[in-house]
Amino acid sequence: MIEKIIEFSAKNKYIVLIFVAAAIVGAVYAVRNIPLDAIPDLSDTQVII
């Protein structure tokens, strides 16, 4: 199975390059659109008994 993937990748370099570029673009898009809460909650912990 891995041998076939390597063989396909070696024969079709441009297709592999397109898939890698698409993965990079998708990753950049995802990182830019993920909401980030960078401020930690420093308040005291309260336990109601």
PDB file of N, CA and C in Angstrom:
ATOM      1  N   MET A   1       0.827  -1.192   0.000  1.00  0.00           N
ATOM      2  CA  MET A   1       0.000   0.000   0.000  1.00  0.00           C
ATOM      3  C   MET A   1       0.873   1.258   0.000  1.00  0.00           C
ATOM      4  N   ILE A   2       1.823   1.314   0.911  1.00  0.00           N
ATOM      5  CA  ILE A   2       2.709   2.482   0.984  1.00  0.00           C
ATOM      6  C   ILE A   2       3.560   2.561  -0.279  1.00  0.00           C
ATOM      7  N   GLU A   3       3.961   1.422  -0.768  1.00  0.00           N
ATOM      8  CA  GLU A   3       4.774   1.396  -1.986  1.00  0.00           C
ATOM      9  C   GLU A   3       4.005   2.000  -3.159  1.00  0.00           C
ATOM     10  N   LYS A   4       2.712   1.715  -3.250  1.00  0.00           N
ATOM     11  CA  LYS A   4       1.887   2.277  -4.329  1.00  0.00           C
ATOM     12  C   LYS A   4       1.730   3.787  -4.171  1.00  0.00           C
ATOM     13  N   ILE A   5       1.590   4.245  -2.937  1.00  0.00           N
ATOM     14  CA  ILE A   5       1.470   5.686  -2.694  1.00  0.00           C
ATOM     15  C   ILE A   5       2.759   6.397  -3.084  1.00  0.00           C
ATOM     16  N   ILE A   6       3.892   5.825  -2.723  1.00  0.00           N
ATOM     17  CA  ILE A   6       5.185   6.424  -3.071  1.00  0.00           C
ATOM     18  C   ILE A   6       5.381   6.418  -4.580  1.00  0.00           C
ATOM     19  N   GLU A   7       5.006   5.327  -5.213  1.00  0.00           N
ATOM     20  CA  GLU A   7       5.139   5.228  -6.670  1.00  0.00           C
ATOM     21  C   GLU A   7       4.244   6.260  -7.362  1.00  0.00           C
ATOM     22  N   PHE A   8       3.002   6.403  -6.896  1.00  0.00           N
ATOM     23  CA  PHE A   8       2.091   7.396  -7.462  1.00  0.00           C
ATOM     24  C   PHE A   8       2.640   8.807  -7.263  1.00  0.00           C
ATOM     25  N   SER A   9       3.165   9.077  -6.067  1.00  0.00           N
ATOM     26  CA  SER A   9       3.706  10.406  -5.770  1.00  0.00           C
ATOM     27  C   SER A   9       4.914  10.727  -6.633  1.00  0.00           C
ATOM     28  N   ALA A  10       5.746   9.734  -6.894  1.00  0.00           N
ATOM     29  CA  ALA A  10       6.928   9.957  -7.723  1.00  0.00           C
ATOM     30  C   ALA A  10       6.546  10.204  -9.179  1.00  0.00           C
ATOM     31  N   LYS A  11       5.499   9.550  -9.646  1.00  0.00           N
ATOM     32  CA  LYS A  11       5.077   9.709 -11.045  1.00  0.00           C
ATOM     33  C   LYS A  11       4.264  10.978 -11.263  1.00  0.00           C
ATOM     34  N   ASN A  12       3.530  11.417 -10.261  1.00  0.00           N
ATOM     35  CA  ASN A  12       2.620  12.560 -10.408  1.00  0.00           C
ATOM     36  C   ASN A  12       3.008  13.673  -9.441  1.00  0.00           C
ATOM     37  N   LYS A  13       4.163  14.255  -9.664  1.00  0.00           N
ATOM     38  CA  LYS A  13       4.681  15.269  -8.739  1.00  0.00           C
ATOM     39  C   LYS A  13       3.791  16.505  -8.681  1.00  0.00           C
ATOM     40  N   TYR A  14       3.219  16.908  -9.817  1.00  0.00           N
ATOM     41  CA  TYR A  14       2.413  18.122  -9.836  1.00  0.00           C
ATOM     42  C   TYR A  14       1.086  17.936  -9.100  1.00  0.00           C
ATOM     43  N   ILE A  15       0.508  16.749  -9.182  1.00  0.00           N
ATOM     44  CA  ILE A  15      -0.729  16.487  -8.444  1.00  0.00           C
ATOM     45  C   ILE A  15      -0.457  16.527  -6.944  1.00  0.00           C
ATOM     46  N   VAL A  16       0.647  15.939  -6.526  1.00  0.00           N
ATOM     47  CA  VAL A  16       1.020  15.963  -5.109  1.00  0.00           C
ATOM     48  C   VAL A  16       1.278  17.401  -4.665  1.00  0.00           C
ATOM     49  N   LEU A  17       1.931  18.189  -5.503  1.00  0.00           N
ATOM     50  CA  LEU A  17       2.199  19.589  -5.183  1.00  0.00           C
ATOM     51  C   LEU A  17       0.898  20.375  -5.027  1.00  0.00           C
ATOM     52  N   ILE A  18      -0.079  20.100  -5.884  1.00  0.00           N
ATOM     53  CA  ILE A  18      -1.378  20.776  -5.782  1.00  0.00           C
ATOM     54  C   ILE A  18      -2.072  20.408  -4.470  1.00  0.00           C
ATOM     55  N   PHE A  19      -2.033  19.128  -4.095  1.00  0.00           N
ATOM     56  CA  PHE A  19      -2.645  18.708  -2.833  1.00  0.00           C
ATOM     57  C   PHE A  19      -1.948  19.341  -1.631  1.00  0.00           C
ATOM     58  N   VAL A  20      -0.638  19.433  -1.666  1.00  0.00           N
ATOM     59  CA  VAL A  20       0.108  20.053  -0.562  1.00  0.00           C
ATOM     60  C   VAL A  20      -0.230  21.539  -0.470  1.00  0.00           C
ATOM     61  N   ALA A  21      -0.291  22.216  -1.617  1.00  0.00           N
ATOM     62  CA  ALA A  21      -0.632  23.637  -1.624  1.00  0.00           C
ATOM     63  C   ALA A  21      -2.047  23.850  -1.087  1.00  0.00           C
ATOM     64  N   ALA A  22      -2.980  22.976  -1.469  1.00  0.00           N
ATOM     65  CA  ALA A  22      -4.354  23.088  -0.973  1.00  0.00           C
ATOM     66  C   ALA A  22      -4.405  22.858   0.539  1.00  0.00           C
ATOM     67  N   ALA A  23      -3.612  21.926   1.039  1.00  0.00           N
ATOM     68  CA  ALA A  23      -3.572  21.673   2.481  1.00  0.00           C
ATOM     69  C   ALA A  23      -3.010  22.880   3.227  1.00  0.00           C
ATOM     70  N   ILE A  24      -1.991  23.514   2.673  1.00  0.00           N
ATOM     71  CA  ILE A  24      -1.401  24.696   3.306  1.00  0.00           C
ATOM     72  C   ILE A  24      -2.397  25.850   3.316  1.00  0.00           C
ATOM     73  N   VAL A  25      -3.076  26.068   2.190  1.00  0.00           N
ATOM     74  CA  VAL A  25      -4.074  27.141   2.120  1.00  0.00           C
ATOM     75  C   VAL A  25      -5.206  26.869   3.111  1.00  0.00           C
ATOM     76  N   GLY A  26      -5.657  25.632   3.193  1.00  0.00           N
ATOM     77  CA  GLY A  26      -6.709  25.282   4.148  1.00  0.00           C
ATOM     78  C   GLY A  26      -6.269  25.479   5.584  1.00  0.00           C
ATOM     79  N   ALA A  27      -5.029  25.144   5.886  1.00  0.00           N
ATOM     80  CA  ALA A  27      -4.511  25.317   7.246  1.00  0.00           C
ATOM     81  C   ALA A  27      -4.413  26.791   7.612  1.00  0.00           C
ATOM     82  N   VAL A  28      -3.929  27.610   6.694  1.00  0.00           N
ATOM     83  CA  VAL A  28      -3.832  29.050   6.954  1.00  0.00           C
ATOM     84  C   VAL A  28      -5.224  29.642   7.160  1.00  0.00           C
ATOM     85  N   TYR A  29      -6.184  29.230   6.333  1.00  0.00           N
ATOM     86  CA  TYR A  29      -7.563  29.705   6.476  1.00  0.00           C
ATOM     87  C   TYR A  29      -8.133  29.309   7.839  1.00  0.00           C
ATOM     88  N   ALA A  30      -7.893  28.068   8.248  1.00  0.00           N
ATOM     89  CA  ALA A  30      -8.415  27.588   9.526  1.00  0.00           C
ATOM     90  C   ALA A  30      -7.788  28.338  10.696  1.00  0.00           C
ATOM     91  N   VAL A  31      -6.483  28.554  10.645  1.00  0.00           N
ATOM     92  CA  VAL A  31      -5.799  29.252  11.740  1.00  0.00           C
ATOM     93  C   VAL A  31      -6.273  30.695  11.845  1.00  0.00           C
ATOM     94  N   ARG A  32      -6.525  31.334  10.724  1.00  0.00           N
ATOM     95  CA  ARG A  32      -6.968  32.730  10.761  1.00  0.00           C
ATOM     96  C   ARG A  32      -8.401  32.868  11.275  1.00  0.00           C
ATOM     97  N   ASN A  33      -9.220  31.829  11.138  1.00  0.00           N
ATOM     98  CA  ASN A  33     -10.629  31.930  11.510  1.00  0.00           C
ATOM     99  C   ASN A  33     -10.980  31.235  12.822  1.00  0.00           C
ATOM    100  N   ILE A  34     -10.015  30.677  13.513  1.00  0.00           N
ATOM    101  CA  ILE A  34     -10.289  30.048  14.804  1.00  0.00           C
ATOM    102  C   ILE A  34     -10.391  31.144  15.861  1.00  0.00           C
ATOM    103  N   PRO A  35     -11.499  31.178  16.605  1.00  0.00           N
ATOM    104  CA  PRO A  35     -11.586  32.172  17.674  1.00  0.00           C
ATOM    105  C   PRO A  35     -10.597  31.820  18.790  1.00  0.00           C
ATOM    106  N   LEU A  36      -9.882  32.823  19.255  1.00  0.00           N
ATOM    107  CA  LEU A  36      -8.833  32.589  20.243  1.00  0.00           C
ATOM    108  C   LEU A  36      -9.128  33.406  21.491  1.00  0.00           C
ATOM    109  N   ASP A  37      -9.232  32.722  22.610  1.00  0.00           N
ATOM    110  CA  ASP A  37      -9.420  33.396  23.887  1.00  0.00           C
ATOM    111  C   ASP A  37      -8.074  33.369  24.599  1.00  0.00           C
ATOM    112  N   ALA A  38      -7.310  34.442  24.450  1.00  0.00           N
ATOM    113  CA  ALA A  38      -5.937  34.465  24.945  1.00  0.00           C
ATOM    114  C   ALA A  38      -5.823  35.006  26.361  1.00  0.00           C
ATOM    115  N   ILE A  39      -6.940  35.407  26.964  1.00  0.00           N
ATOM    116  CA  ILE A  39      -6.886  35.970  28.311  1.00  0.00           C
ATOM    117  C   ILE A  39      -7.330  34.885  29.291  1.00  0.00           C
ATOM    118  N   PRO A  40      -6.448  34.431  30.163  1.00  0.00           N
ATOM    119  CA  PRO A  40      -6.834  33.379  31.113  1.00  0.00           C
ATOM    120  C   PRO A  40      -7.754  33.921  32.203  1.00  0.00           C
ATOM    121  N   ASP A  41      -8.547  33.052  32.773  1.00  0.00           N
ATOM    122  CA  ASP A  41      -9.443  33.421  33.867  1.00  0.00           C
ATOM    123  C   ASP A  41      -8.651  33.353  35.173  1.00  0.00           C
ATOM    124  N   LEU A  42      -8.334  34.517  35.749  1.00  0.00           N
ATOM    125  CA  LEU A  42      -7.512  34.579  36.957  1.00  0.00           C
ATOM    126  C   LEU A  42      -8.327  34.784  38.223  1.00  0.00           C
ATOM    127  N   SER A  43      -9.641  34.697  38.129  1.00  0.00           N
ATOM    128  CA  SER A  43     -10.469  34.917  39.319  1.00  0.00           C
ATOM    129  C   SER A  43     -10.338  33.739  40.281  1.00  0.00           C
ATOM    130  N   ASP A  44     -10.686  34.019  41.549  1.00  0.00           N
ATOM    131  CA  ASP A  44     -10.618  32.973  42.568  1.00  0.00           C
ATOM    132  C   ASP A  44     -11.638  31.885  42.273  1.00  0.00           C
ATOM    133  N   THR A  45     -11.268  30.672  42.615  1.00  0.00           N
ATOM    134  CA  THR A  45     -12.182  29.551  42.455  1.00  0.00           C
ATOM    135  C   THR A  45     -13.175  29.559  43.606  1.00  0.00           C
ATOM    136  N   GLN A  46     -14.453  29.487  43.297  1.00  0.00           N
ATOM    137  CA  GLN A  46     -15.485  29.504  44.326  1.00  0.00           C
ATOM    138  C   GLN A  46     -16.226  28.176  44.298  1.00  0.00           C
ATOM    139  N   VAL A  47     -16.380  27.606  45.480  1.00  0.00           N
ATOM    140  CA  VAL A  47     -17.108  26.352  45.619  1.00  0.00           C
ATOM    141  C   VAL A  47     -18.318  26.608  46.494  1.00  0.00           C
ATOM    142  N   ILE A  48     -19.489  26.273  46.011  1.00  0.00           N
ATOM    143  CA  ILE A  48     -20.720  26.455  46.786  1.00  0.00           C
ATOM    144  C   ILE A  48     -21.034  25.141  47.484  1.00  0.00           C
ATOM    145  N   ILE A  49     -21.161  25.235  48.815  1.00  0.00           N
ATOM    146  CA  ILE A  49     -21.425  24.028  49.613  1.00  0.00           C
ATOM    147  C   ILE A  49     -22.851  24.076  50.121  1.00  0.00           C
TER     148      ILE A  49
END
